[in-house]
Amino acid sequence: MLRAETAKRREAGSPNKAISENQNLIENQGVAVRINQQDSSQAKSYSSKLLSKAHLIQSLMHMLQITVSYLLMLVFMTYNSWLCLSVVLGAGLGYFLFGLKRITAVDLNEHCH
């Protein structure tokens, strides 16, 4: 595949330049275009992303969601029909009121439903 793209670049008259591992060769309407995936001004290290305020808040919200899920499971496992009905109706009403956004945008990080 690399040979075919090198041949296309030679036919187009562009010089044969080495492509580093941080760059991809993309073919755009028959013309080879080089794109740099890592911009040094926008690149953040993994540790700075890990310790960011947004990631901390997202992690705490995830812990809260898991805690509420397990508590609701324990309530449902009492087999009290009124409590089971309230959990089901609450989940349905919550989805009806707040789940409209999910129809238009799919969150790939959502694993619960």
PDB file of N, CA and C in Angstrom:
ATOM      1  N   MET A   1       0.820  -1.183   0.000  1.00  0.00           N
ATOM      2  CA  MET A   1       0.000   0.000   0.000  1.00  0.00           C
ATOM      3  C   MET A   1       0.870   1.256   0.000  1.00  0.00           C
ATOM      4  N   LEU A   2       1.952   1.217   0.756  1.00  0.00           N
ATOM      5  CA  LEU A   2       2.852   2.365   0.794  1.00  0.00           C
ATOM      6  C   LEU A   2       3.520   2.574  -0.557  1.00  0.00           C
ATOM      7  N   ARG A   3       3.834   1.486  -1.248  1.00  0.00           N
ATOM      8  CA  ARG A   3       4.446   1.611  -2.564  1.00  0.00           C
ATOM      9  C   ARG A   3       3.498   2.251  -3.559  1.00  0.00           C
ATOM     10  N   ALA A   4       2.221   1.878  -3.487  1.00  0.00           N
ATOM     11  CA  ALA A   4       1.239   2.449  -4.409  1.00  0.00           C
ATOM     12  C   ALA A   4       1.072   3.948  -4.156  1.00  0.00           C
ATOM     13  N   GLU A   5       1.069   4.351  -2.925  1.00  0.00           N
ATOM     14  CA  GLU A   5       0.910   5.770  -2.617  1.00  0.00           C
ATOM     15  C   GLU A   5       2.179   6.549  -2.958  1.00  0.00           C
ATOM     16  N   THR A   6       3.334   5.918  -2.807  1.00  0.00           N
ATOM     17  CA  THR A   6       4.580   6.561  -3.211  1.00  0.00           C
ATOM     18  C   THR A   6       4.597   6.763  -4.719  1.00  0.00           C
ATOM     19  N   ALA A   7       4.105   5.763  -5.445  1.00  0.00           N
ATOM     20  CA  ALA A   7       4.041   5.870  -6.905  1.00  0.00           C
ATOM     21  C   ALA A   7       3.079   6.979  -7.324  1.00  0.00           C
ATOM     22  N   LYS A   8       1.954   7.110  -6.637  1.00  0.00           N
ATOM     23  CA  LYS A   8       1.001   8.167  -6.963  1.00  0.00           C
ATOM     24  C   LYS A   8       1.608   9.543  -6.718  1.00  0.00           C
ATOM     25  N   ARG A   9       2.387   9.667  -5.640  1.00  0.00           N
ATOM     26  CA  ARG A   9       3.020  10.959  -5.356  1.00  0.00           C
ATOM     27  C   ARG A   9       4.077  11.288  -6.403  1.00  0.00           C
ATOM     28  N   ARG A  10       4.803  10.268  -6.855  1.00  0.00           N
ATOM     29  CA  ARG A  10       5.821  10.511  -7.890  1.00  0.00           C
ATOM     30  C   ARG A  10       5.173  10.919  -9.197  1.00  0.00           C
ATOM     31  N   GLU A  11       4.026  10.271  -9.530  1.00  0.00           N
ATOM     32  CA  GLU A  11       3.318  10.635 -10.757  1.00  0.00           C
ATOM     33  C   GLU A  11       2.779  12.055 -10.666  1.00  0.00           C
ATOM     34  N   ALA A  12       2.363  12.467  -9.490  1.00  0.00           N
ATOM     35  CA  ALA A  12       1.823  13.812  -9.314  1.00  0.00           C
ATOM     36  C   ALA A  12       2.929  14.862  -9.276  1.00  0.00           C
ATOM     37  N   GLY A  13       4.178  14.432  -9.190  1.00  0.00           N
ATOM     38  CA  GLY A  13       5.302  15.357  -9.216  1.00  0.00           C
ATOM     39  C   GLY A  13       5.701  15.879  -7.849  1.00  0.00           C
ATOM     40  N   SER A  14       5.101  15.349  -6.776  1.00  0.00           N
ATOM     41  CA  SER A  14       5.483  15.811  -5.443  1.00  0.00           C
ATOM     42  C   SER A  14       6.714  15.044  -4.987  1.00  0.00           C
ATOM     43  N   PRO A  15       7.546  15.668  -4.196  1.00  0.00           N
ATOM     44  CA  PRO A  15       8.771  14.986  -3.742  1.00  0.00           C
ATOM     45  C   PRO A  15       8.441  13.842  -2.794  1.00  0.00           C
ATOM     46  N   ASN A  16       9.311  12.869  -2.782  1.00  0.00           N
ATOM     47  CA  ASN A  16       9.130  11.706  -1.916  1.00  0.00           C
ATOM     48  C   ASN A  16       9.667  12.046  -0.536  1.00  0.00           C
ATOM     49  N   LYS A  17       8.755  12.303   0.417  1.00  0.00           N
ATOM     50  CA  LYS A  17       9.166  12.670   1.769  1.00  0.00           C
ATOM     51  C   LYS A  17       8.812  11.549   2.726  1.00  0.00           C
ATOM     52  N   ALA A  18       9.662  11.356   3.701  1.00  0.00           N
ATOM     53  CA  ALA A  18       9.405  10.331   4.708  1.00  0.00           C
ATOM     54  C   ALA A  18       8.281  10.789   5.620  1.00  0.00           C
ATOM     55  N   ILE A  19       7.458   9.848   6.024  1.00  0.00           N
ATOM     56  CA  ILE A  19       6.329  10.152   6.891  1.00  0.00           C
ATOM     57  C   ILE A  19       6.614   9.549   8.254  1.00  0.00           C
ATOM     58  N   SER A  20       6.561  10.386   9.292  1.00  0.00           N
ATOM     59  CA  SER A  20       6.836   9.893  10.638  1.00  0.00           C
ATOM     60  C   SER A  20       5.646   9.106  11.147  1.00  0.00           C
ATOM     61  N   GLU A  21       5.822   8.427  12.281  1.00  0.00           N
ATOM     62  CA  GLU A  21       4.753   7.593  12.824  1.00  0.00           C
ATOM     63  C   GLU A  21       3.603   8.420  13.381  1.00  0.00           C
ATOM     64  N   ASN A  22       3.801   9.711  13.621  1.00  0.00           N
ATOM     65  CA  ASN A  22       2.738  10.575  14.127  1.00  0.00           C
ATOM     66  C   ASN A  22       1.921  11.218  13.016  1.00  0.00           C
ATOM     67  N   GLN A  23       2.187  10.840  11.792  1.00  0.00           N
ATOM     68  CA  GLN A  23       1.482  11.436  10.666  1.00  0.00           C
ATOM     69  C   GLN A  23       0.810  10.343   9.855  1.00  0.00           C
ATOM     70  N   ASN A  24      -0.329  10.666   9.289  1.00  0.00           N
ATOM     71  CA  ASN A  24      -1.041   9.737   8.429  1.00  0.00           C
ATOM     72  C   ASN A  24      -1.048  10.281   7.021  1.00  0.00           C
ATOM     73  N   LEU A  25      -1.084   9.369   6.083  1.00  0.00           N
ATOM     74  CA  LEU A  25      -1.211   9.746   4.690  1.00  0.00           C
ATOM     75  C   LEU A  25      -2.649   9.491   4.288  1.00  0.00           C
ATOM     76  N   ILE A  26      -3.333  10.524   3.928  1.00  0.00           N
ATOM     77  CA  ILE A  26      -4.738  10.409   3.558  1.00  0.00           C
ATOM     78  C   ILE A  26      -4.876  10.803   2.102  1.00  0.00           C
ATOM     79  N   GLU A  27      -5.636  10.045   1.384  1.00  0.00           N
ATOM     80  CA  GLU A  27      -5.840  10.340  -0.016  1.00  0.00           C
ATOM     81  C   GLU A  27      -7.116  11.154  -0.149  1.00  0.00           C
ATOM     82  N   ASN A  28      -6.996  12.343  -0.672  1.00  0.00           N
ATOM     83  CA  ASN A  28      -8.126  13.246  -0.803  1.00  0.00           C
ATOM     84  C   ASN A  28      -8.280  13.592  -2.276  1.00  0.00           C
ATOM     85  N   GLN A  29      -9.245  12.992  -2.927  1.00  0.00           N
ATOM     86  CA  GLN A  29      -9.546  13.204  -4.342  1.00  0.00           C
ATOM     87  C   GLN A  29      -8.306  12.973  -5.207  1.00  0.00           C
ATOM     88  N   GLY A  30      -7.622  11.880  -4.967  1.00  0.00           N
ATOM     89  CA  GLY A  30      -6.478  11.503  -5.766  1.00  0.00           C
ATOM     90  C   GLY A  30      -5.184  12.218  -5.395  1.00  0.00           C
ATOM     91  N   VAL A  31      -5.201  13.132  -4.435  1.00  0.00           N
ATOM     92  CA  VAL A  31      -4.014  13.867  -4.034  1.00  0.00           C
ATOM     93  C   VAL A  31      -3.629  13.412  -2.629  1.00  0.00           C
ATOM     94  N   ALA A  32      -2.374  13.060  -2.449  1.00  0.00           N
ATOM     95  CA  ALA A  32      -1.914  12.625  -1.132  1.00  0.00           C
ATOM     96  C   ALA A  32      -1.731  13.845  -0.239  1.00  0.00           C
ATOM     97  N   VAL A  33      -2.328  13.789   0.932  1.00  0.00           N
ATOM     98  CA  VAL A  33      -2.263  14.893   1.881  1.00  0.00           C
ATOM     99  C   VAL A  33      -1.700  14.350   3.181  1.00  0.00           C
ATOM    100  N   ARG A  34      -0.771  15.056   3.768  1.00  0.00           N
ATOM    101  CA  ARG A  34      -0.180  14.641   5.020  1.00  0.00           C
ATOM    102  C   ARG A  34      -0.856  15.405   6.158  1.00  0.00           C
ATOM    103  N   ILE A  35      -1.256  14.685   7.206  1.00  0.00           N
ATOM    104  CA  ILE A  35      -1.914  15.305   8.348  1.00  0.00           C
ATOM    105  C   ILE A  35      -1.149  14.931   9.598  1.00  0.00           C
ATOM    106  N   ASN A  36      -0.814  15.917  10.384  1.00  0.00           N
ATOM    107  CA  ASN A  36      -0.130  15.699  11.646  1.00  0.00           C
ATOM    108  C   ASN A  36      -1.185  15.492  12.715  1.00  0.00           C
ATOM    109  N   GLN A  37      -1.170  14.348  13.404  1.00  0.00           N
ATOM    110  CA  GLN A  37      -2.191  14.019  14.386  1.00  0.00           C
ATOM    111  C   GLN A  37      -1.956  14.727  15.711  1.00  0.00           C
ATOM    112  N   GLN A  38      -0.748  15.041  16.044  1.00  0.00           N
ATOM    113  CA  GLN A  38      -0.457  15.650  17.334  1.00  0.00           C
ATOM    114  C   GLN A  38      -0.001  17.084  17.130  1.00  0.00           C
ATOM    115  N   ASP A  39      -0.789  18.009  17.612  1.00  0.00           N
ATOM    116  CA  ASP A  39      -0.416  19.414  17.582  1.00  0.00           C
ATOM    117  C   ASP A  39       0.217  19.732  18.929  1.00  0.00           C
ATOM    118  N   SER A  40       1.438  20.195  18.923  1.00  0.00           N
ATOM    119  CA  SER A  40       2.159  20.390  20.180  1.00  0.00           C
ATOM    120  C   SER A  40       1.510  21.445  21.057  1.00  0.00           C
ATOM    121  N   SER A  41       0.802  22.415  20.473  1.00  0.00           N
ATOM    122  CA  SER A  41       0.173  23.440  21.298  1.00  0.00           C
ATOM    123  C   SER A  41      -1.100  22.920  21.965  1.00  0.00           C
ATOM    124  N   GLN A  42      -1.747  21.916  21.371  1.00  0.00           N
ATOM    125  CA  GLN A  42      -2.986  21.399  21.925  1.00  0.00           C
ATOM    126  C   GLN A  42      -2.808  20.051  22.609  1.00  0.00           C
ATOM    127  N   ALA A  43      -1.670  19.444  22.505  1.00  0.00           N
ATOM    128  CA  ALA A  43      -1.447  18.122  23.085  1.00  0.00           C
ATOM    129  C   ALA A  43      -1.293  18.236  24.594  1.00  0.00           C
ATOM    130  N   LYS A  44      -2.062  17.405  25.318  1.00  0.00           N
ATOM    131  CA  LYS A  44      -1.961  17.366  26.776  1.00  0.00           C
ATOM    132  C   LYS A  44      -1.451  15.994  27.175  1.00  0.00           C
ATOM    133  N   SER A  45      -0.709  15.974  28.233  1.00  0.00           N
ATOM    134  CA  SER A  45      -0.204  14.698  28.701  1.00  0.00           C
ATOM    135  C   SER A  45      -1.319  13.921  29.386  1.00  0.00           C
ATOM    136  N   TYR A  46      -1.127  12.638  29.497  1.00  0.00           N
ATOM    137  CA  TYR A  46      -2.128  11.772  30.113  1.00  0.00           C
ATOM    138  C   TYR A  46      -2.354  12.146  31.572  1.00  0.00           C
ATOM    139  N   SER A  47      -1.291  12.488  32.284  1.00  0.00           N
ATOM    140  CA  SER A  47      -1.433  12.831  33.701  1.00  0.00           C
ATOM    141  C   SER A  47      -2.200  14.135  33.895  1.00  0.00           C
ATOM    142  N   SER A  48      -2.026  15.096  32.990  1.00  0.00           N
ATOM    143  CA  SER A  48      -2.775  16.350  33.131  1.00  0.00           C
ATOM    144  C   SER A  48      -4.253  16.132  32.825  1.00  0.00           C
ATOM    145  N   LYS A  49      -4.571  15.245  31.878  1.00  0.00           N
ATOM    146  CA  LYS A  49      -5.971  14.913  31.609  1.00  0.00           C
ATOM    147  C   LYS A  49      -6.574  14.138  32.775  1.00  0.00           C
ATOM    148  N   LEU A  50      -5.782  13.255  33.362  1.00  0.00           N
ATOM    149  CA  LEU A  50      -6.259  12.419  34.459  1.00  0.00           C
ATOM    150  C   LEU A  50      -6.565  13.249  35.701  1.00  0.00           C
ATOM    151  N   LEU A  51      -5.790  14.268  35.946  1.00  0.00           N
ATOM    152  CA  LEU A  51      -5.949  15.076  37.147  1.00  0.00           C
ATOM    153  C   LEU A  51      -6.763  16.346  36.913  1.00  0.00           C
ATOM    154  N   SER A  52      -7.448  16.432  35.781  1.00  0.00           N
ATOM    155  CA  SER A  52      -8.232  17.630  35.500  1.00  0.00           C
ATOM    156  C   SER A  52      -9.501  17.662  36.339  1.00  0.00           C
ATOM    157  N   LYS A  53     -10.026  18.851  36.531  1.00  0.00           N
ATOM    158  CA  LYS A  53     -11.229  19.033  37.336  1.00  0.00           C
ATOM    159  C   LYS A  53     -12.433  18.357  36.672  1.00  0.00           C
ATOM    160  N   ALA A  54     -12.528  18.454  35.360  1.00  0.00           N
ATOM    161  CA  ALA A  54     -13.643  17.847  34.643  1.00  0.00           C
ATOM    162  C   ALA A  54     -13.645  16.328  34.808  1.00  0.00           C
ATOM    163  N   HIS A  55     -12.471  15.711  34.741  1.00  0.00           N
ATOM    164  CA  HIS A  55     -12.390  14.254  34.897  1.00  0.00           C
ATOM    165  C   HIS A  55     -12.742  13.840  36.322  1.00  0.00           C
ATOM    166  N   LEU A  56     -12.337  14.638  37.300  1.00  0.00           N
ATOM    167  CA  LEU A  56     -12.669  14.350  38.696  1.00  0.00           C
ATOM    168  C   LEU A  56     -14.177  14.426  38.919  1.00  0.00           C
ATOM    169  N   ILE A  57     -14.818  15.446  38.384  1.00  0.00           N
ATOM    170  CA  ILE A  57     -16.274  15.582  38.524  1.00  0.00           C
ATOM    171  C   ILE A  57     -16.988  14.434  37.815  1.00  0.00           C
ATOM    172  N   GLN A  58     -16.525  14.078  36.634  1.00  0.00           N
ATOM    173  CA  GLN A  58     -17.127  12.976  35.884  1.00  0.00           C
ATOM    174  C   GLN A  58     -16.968  11.660  36.643  1.00  0.00           C
ATOM    175  N   SER A  59     -15.831  11.451  37.279  1.00  0.00           N
ATOM    176  CA  SER A  59     -15.605  10.231  38.057  1.00  0.00           C
ATOM    177  C   SER A  59     -16.516  10.179  39.278  1.00  0.00           C
ATOM    178  N   LEU A  60     -16.688  11.319  39.960  1.00  0.00           N
ATOM    179  CA  LEU A  60     -17.585  11.360  41.119  1.00  0.00           C
ATOM    180  C   LEU A  60     -19.041  11.125  40.714  1.00  0.00           C
ATOM    181  N   MET A  61     -19.448  11.674  39.589  1.00  0.00           N
ATOM    182  CA  MET A  61     -20.817  11.450  39.098  1.00  0.00           C
ATOM    183  C   MET A  61     -21.022   9.986  38.717  1.00  0.00           C
ATOM    184  N   HIS A  62     -20.009   9.352  38.161  1.00  0.00           N
ATOM    185  CA  HIS A  62     -20.099   7.933  37.826  1.00  0.00           C
ATOM    186  C   HIS A  62     -20.250   7.095  39.097  1.00  0.00           C
ATOM    187  N   MET A  63     -19.489   7.446  40.139  1.00  0.00           N
ATOM    188  CA  MET A  63     -19.600   6.726  41.405  1.00  0.00           C
ATOM    189  C   MET A  63     -20.996   6.893  42.002  1.00  0.00           C
ATOM    190  N   LEU A  64     -21.562   8.084  41.903  1.00  0.00           N
ATOM    191  CA  LEU A  64     -22.910   8.329  42.389  1.00  0.00           C
ATOM    192  C   LEU A  64     -23.938   7.517  41.608  1.00  0.00           C
ATOM    193  N   GLN A  65     -23.774   7.451  40.293  1.00  0.00           N
ATOM    194  CA  GLN A  65     -24.698   6.676  39.456  1.00  0.00           C
ATOM    195  C   GLN A  65     -24.633   5.189  39.805  1.00  0.00           C
ATOM    196  N   ILE A  66     -23.454   4.654  40.017  1.00  0.00           N
ATOM    197  CA  ILE A  66     -23.311   3.238  40.366  1.00  0.00           C
ATOM    198  C   ILE A  66     -23.918   2.960  41.739  1.00  0.00           C
ATOM    199  N   THR A  67     -23.700   3.883  42.691  1.00  0.00           N
ATOM    200  CA  THR A  67     -24.260   3.716  44.037  1.00  0.00           C
ATOM    201  C   THR A  67     -25.781   3.697  43.993  1.00  0.00           C
ATOM    202  N   VAL A  68     -26.377   4.638  43.280  1.00  0.00           N
ATOM    203  CA  VAL A  68     -27.841   4.681  43.171  1.00  0.00           C
ATOM    204  C   VAL A  68     -28.353   3.427  42.457  1.00  0.00           C
ATOM    205  N   SER A  69     -27.640   2.966  41.443  1.00  0.00           N
ATOM    206  CA  SER A  69     -28.063   1.754  40.730  1.00  0.00           C
ATOM    207  C   SER A  69     -28.081   0.543  41.651  1.00  0.00           C
ATOM    208  N   TYR A  70     -27.030   0.379  42.457  1.00  0.00           N
ATOM    209  CA  TYR A  70     -26.989  -0.759  43.380  1.00  0.00           C
ATOM    210  C   TYR A  70     -28.055  -0.636  44.472  1.00  0.00           C
ATOM    211  N   LEU A  71     -28.297   0.564  44.966  1.00  0.00           N
ATOM    212  CA  LEU A  71     -29.344   0.739  45.969  1.00  0.00           C
ATOM    213  C   LEU A  71     -30.727   0.424  45.397  1.00  0.00           C
ATOM    214  N   LEU A  72     -30.977   0.844  44.161  1.00  0.00           N
ATOM    215  CA  LEU A  72     -32.251   0.513  43.516  1.00  0.00           C
ATOM    216  C   LEU A  72     -32.373  -0.991  43.276  1.00  0.00           C
ATOM    217  N   MET A  73     -31.260  -1.643  42.963  1.00  0.00           N
ATOM    218  CA  MET A  73     -31.292  -3.096  42.803  1.00  0.00           C
ATOM    219  C   MET A  73     -31.652  -3.766  44.124  1.00  0.00           C
ATOM    220  N   LEU A  74     -31.087  -3.276  45.214  1.00  0.00           N
ATOM    221  CA  LEU A  74     -31.414  -3.850  46.520  1.00  0.00           C
ATOM    222  C   LEU A  74     -32.873  -3.618  46.892  1.00  0.00           C
ATOM    223  N   VAL A  75     -33.404  -2.443  46.552  1.00  0.00           N
ATOM    224  CA  VAL A  75     -34.827  -2.172  46.795  1.00  0.00           C
ATOM    225  C   VAL A  75     -35.685  -3.127  45.984  1.00  0.00           C
ATOM    226  N   PHE A  76     -35.334  -3.340  44.744  1.00  0.00           N
ATOM    227  CA  PHE A  76     -36.105  -4.236  43.883  1.00  0.00           C
ATOM    228  C   PHE A  76     -36.031  -5.681  44.381  1.00  0.00           C
ATOM    229  N   MET A  77     -34.880  -6.054  44.961  1.00  0.00           N
ATOM    230  CA  MET A  77     -34.709  -7.430  45.421  1.00  0.00           C
ATOM    231  C   MET A  77     -35.472  -7.733  46.717  1.00  0.00           C
ATOM    232  N   THR A  78     -36.138  -6.741  47.318  1.00  0.00           N
ATOM    233  CA  THR A  78     -37.002  -7.017  48.469  1.00  0.00           C
ATOM    234  C   THR A  78     -38.273  -7.728  48.028  1.00  0.00           C
ATOM    235  N   TYR A  79     -38.577  -7.680  46.737  1.00  0.00           N
ATOM    236  CA  TYR A  79     -39.768  -8.285  46.128  1.00  0.00           C
ATOM    237  C   TYR A  79     -41.059  -7.713  46.697  1.00  0.00           C
ATOM    238  N   ASN A  80     -40.984  -6.521  47.254  1.00  0.00           N
ATOM    239  CA  ASN A  80     -42.186  -5.805  47.642  1.00  0.00           C
ATOM    240  C   ASN A  80     -42.759  -5.214  46.364  1.00  0.00           C
ATOM    241  N   SER A  81     -43.966  -5.613  46.012  1.00  0.00           N
ATOM    242  CA  SER A  81     -44.528  -5.235  44.715  1.00  0.00           C
ATOM    243  C   SER A  81     -44.667  -3.720  44.571  1.00  0.00           C
ATOM    244  N   TRP A  82     -45.000  -2.998  45.639  1.00  0.00           N
ATOM    245  CA  TRP A  82     -45.146  -1.554  45.552  1.00  0.00           C
ATOM    246  C   TRP A  82     -43.791  -0.872  45.354  1.00  0.00           C
ATOM    247  N   LEU A  83     -42.769  -1.370  46.001  1.00  0.00           N
ATOM    248  CA  LEU A  83     -41.431  -0.799  45.807  1.00  0.00           C
ATOM    249  C   LEU A  83     -40.899  -1.108  44.402  1.00  0.00           C
ATOM    250  N   CYS A  84     -41.156  -2.329  43.933  1.00  0.00           N
ATOM    251  CA  CYS A  84     -40.731  -2.699  42.576  1.00  0.00           C
ATOM    252  C   CYS A  84     -41.451  -1.833  41.550  1.00  0.00           C
ATOM    253  N   LEU A  85     -42.745  -1.619  41.747  1.00  0.00           N
ATOM    254  CA  LEU A  85     -43.522  -0.795  40.833  1.00  0.00           C
ATOM    255  C   LEU A  85     -43.015   0.652  40.854  1.00  0.00           C
ATOM    256  N   SER A  86     -42.669   1.164  42.030  1.00  0.00           N
ATOM    257  CA  SER A  86     -42.173   2.546  42.100  1.00  0.00           C
ATOM    258  C   SER A  86     -40.818   2.691  41.407  1.00  0.00           C
ATOM    259  N   VAL A  87     -39.964   1.678  41.506  1.00  0.00           N
ATOM    260  CA  VAL A  87     -38.667   1.727  40.812  1.00  0.00           C
ATOM    261  C   VAL A  87     -38.878   1.726  39.298  1.00  0.00           C
ATOM    262  N   VAL A  88     -39.753   0.864  38.820  1.00  0.00           N
ATOM    263  CA  VAL A  88     -40.008   0.773  37.374  1.00  0.00           C
ATOM    264  C   VAL A  88     -40.659   2.050  36.865  1.00  0.00           C
ATOM    265  N   LEU A  89     -41.687   2.559  37.582  1.00  0.00           N
ATOM    266  CA  LEU A  89     -42.346   3.789  37.157  1.00  0.00           C
ATOM    267  C   LEU A  89     -41.399   4.989  37.232  1.00  0.00           C
ATOM    268  N   GLY A  90     -40.555   5.032  38.244  1.00  0.00           N
ATOM    269  CA  GLY A  90     -39.579   6.116  38.349  1.00  0.00           C
ATOM    270  C   GLY A  90     -38.563   6.089  37.222  1.00  0.00           C
ATOM    271  N   ALA A  91     -38.105   4.902  36.849  1.00  0.00           N
ATOM    272  CA  ALA A  91     -37.157   4.789  35.731  1.00  0.00           C
ATOM    273  C   ALA A  91     -37.827   5.192  34.416  1.00  0.00           C
ATOM    274  N   GLY A  92     -39.079   4.769  34.243  1.00  0.00           N
ATOM    275  CA  GLY A  92     -39.806   5.138  33.021  1.00  0.00           C
ATOM    276  C   GLY A  92     -40.088   6.627  32.948  1.00  0.00           C
ATOM    277  N   LEU A  93     -40.520   7.231  34.055  1.00  0.00           N
ATOM    278  CA  LEU A  93     -40.794   8.667  34.076  1.00  0.00           C
ATOM    279  C   LEU A  93     -39.502   9.473  33.892  1.00  0.00           C
ATOM    280  N   GLY A  94     -38.415   9.021  34.507  1.00  0.00           N
ATOM    281  CA  GLY A  94     -37.133   9.695  34.337  1.00  0.00           C
ATOM    282  C   GLY A  94     -36.652   9.654  32.898  1.00  0.00           C
ATOM    283  N   TYR A  95     -36.831   8.526  32.245  1.00  0.00           N
ATOM    284  CA  TYR A  95     -36.435   8.434  30.838  1.00  0.00           C
ATOM    285  C   TYR A  95     -37.329   9.308  29.971  1.00  0.00           C
ATOM    286  N   PHE A  96     -38.638   9.331  30.294  1.00  0.00           N
ATOM    287  CA  PHE A  96     -39.566  10.150  29.512  1.00  0.00           C
ATOM    288  C   PHE A  96     -39.208  11.628  29.619  1.00  0.00           C
ATOM    289  N   LEU A  97     -38.865  12.089  30.805  1.00  0.00           N
ATOM    290  CA  LEU A  97     -38.579  13.505  31.010  1.00  0.00           C
ATOM    291  C   LEU A  97     -37.178  13.915  30.561  1.00  0.00           C
ATOM    292  N   PHE A  98     -36.186  13.063  30.794  1.00  0.00           N
ATOM    293  CA  PHE A  98     -34.798  13.460  30.541  1.00  0.00           C
ATOM    294  C   PHE A  98     -34.106  12.665  29.434  1.00  0.00           C
ATOM    295  N   GLY A  99     -34.758  11.675  28.864  1.00  0.00           N
ATOM    296  CA  GLY A  99     -34.106  10.809  27.881  1.00  0.00           C
ATOM    297  C   GLY A  99     -34.226  11.252  26.452  1.00  0.00           C
ATOM    298  N   LEU A 100     -34.858  12.407  26.199  1.00  0.00           N
ATOM    299  CA  LEU A 100     -35.038  12.873  24.828  1.00  0.00           C
ATOM    300  C   LEU A 100     -33.701  13.167  24.157  1.00  0.00           C
ATOM    301  N   LYS A 101     -32.738  13.661  24.914  1.00  0.00           N
ATOM    302  CA  LYS A 101     -31.422  13.982  24.362  1.00  0.00           C
ATOM    303  C   LYS A 101     -30.706  12.733  23.861  1.00  0.00           C
ATOM    304  N   ARG A 102     -30.954  11.603  24.466  1.00  0.00           N
ATOM    305  CA  ARG A 102     -30.273  10.369  24.059  1.00  0.00           C
ATOM    306  C   ARG A 102     -30.686   9.907  22.674  1.00  0.00           C
ATOM    307  N   ILE A 103     -31.864  10.300  22.236  1.00  0.00           N
ATOM    308  CA  ILE A 103     -32.313   9.892  20.911  1.00  0.00           C
ATOM    309  C   ILE A 103     -31.442  10.536  19.841  1.00  0.00           C
ATOM    310  N   THR A 104     -31.056  11.789  20.049  1.00  0.00           N
ATOM    311  CA  THR A 104     -30.278  12.509  19.044  1.00  0.00           C
ATOM    312  C   THR A 104     -28.777  12.285  19.177  1.00  0.00           C
ATOM    313  N   ALA A 105     -28.287  11.981  20.371  1.00  0.00           N
ATOM    314  CA  ALA A 105     -26.848  11.790  20.573  1.00  0.00           C
ATOM    315  C   ALA A 105     -26.611  10.520  21.376  1.00  0.00           C
ATOM    316  N   VAL A 106     -25.780   9.647  20.856  1.00  0.00           N
ATOM    317  CA  VAL A 106     -25.469   8.397  21.532  1.00  0.00           C
ATOM    318  C   VAL A 106     -24.165   8.574  22.283  1.00  0.00           C
ATOM    319  N   ASP A 107     -24.195   8.295  23.580  1.00  0.00           N
ATOM    320  CA  ASP A 107     -22.998   8.394  24.413  1.00  0.00           C
ATOM    321  C   ASP A 107     -22.317   7.037  24.436  1.00  0.00           C
ATOM    322  N   LEU A 108     -21.116   6.948  23.892  1.00  0.00           N
ATOM    323  CA  LEU A 108     -20.408   5.682  23.823  1.00  0.00           C
ATOM    324  C   LEU A 108     -19.886   5.241  25.173  1.00  0.00           C
ATOM    325  N   ASN A 109     -19.827   6.157  26.134  1.00  0.00           N
ATOM    326  CA  ASN A 109     -19.329   5.816  27.454  1.00  0.00           C
ATOM    327  C   ASN A 109     -20.429   5.317  28.384  1.00  0.00           C
ATOM    328  N   GLU A 110     -21.661   5.314  27.918  1.00  0.00           N
ATOM    329  CA  GLU A 110     -22.774   4.856  28.744  1.00  0.00           C
ATOM    330  C   GLU A 110     -22.890   3.351  28.636  1.00  0.00           C
ATOM    331  N   HIS A 111     -22.697   2.663  29.741  1.00  0.00           N
ATOM    332  CA  HIS A 111     -22.701   1.211  29.736  1.00  0.00           C
ATOM    333  C   HIS A 111     -23.881   0.624  30.492  1.00  0.00           C
ATOM    334  N   CYS A 112     -24.695   1.462  31.104  1.00  0.00           N
ATOM    335  CA  CYS A 112     -25.744   0.944  31.985  1.00  0.00           C
ATOM    336  C   CYS A 112     -27.008   0.534  31.238  1.00  0.00           C
ATOM    337  N   HIS A 113     -27.300   1.141  30.115  1.00  0.00           N
ATOM    338  CA  HIS A 113     -28.551   0.814  29.417  1.00  0.00           C
ATOM    339  C   HIS A 113     -28.297   0.562  27.963  1.00  0.00           C
TER     340      HIS A 113
END
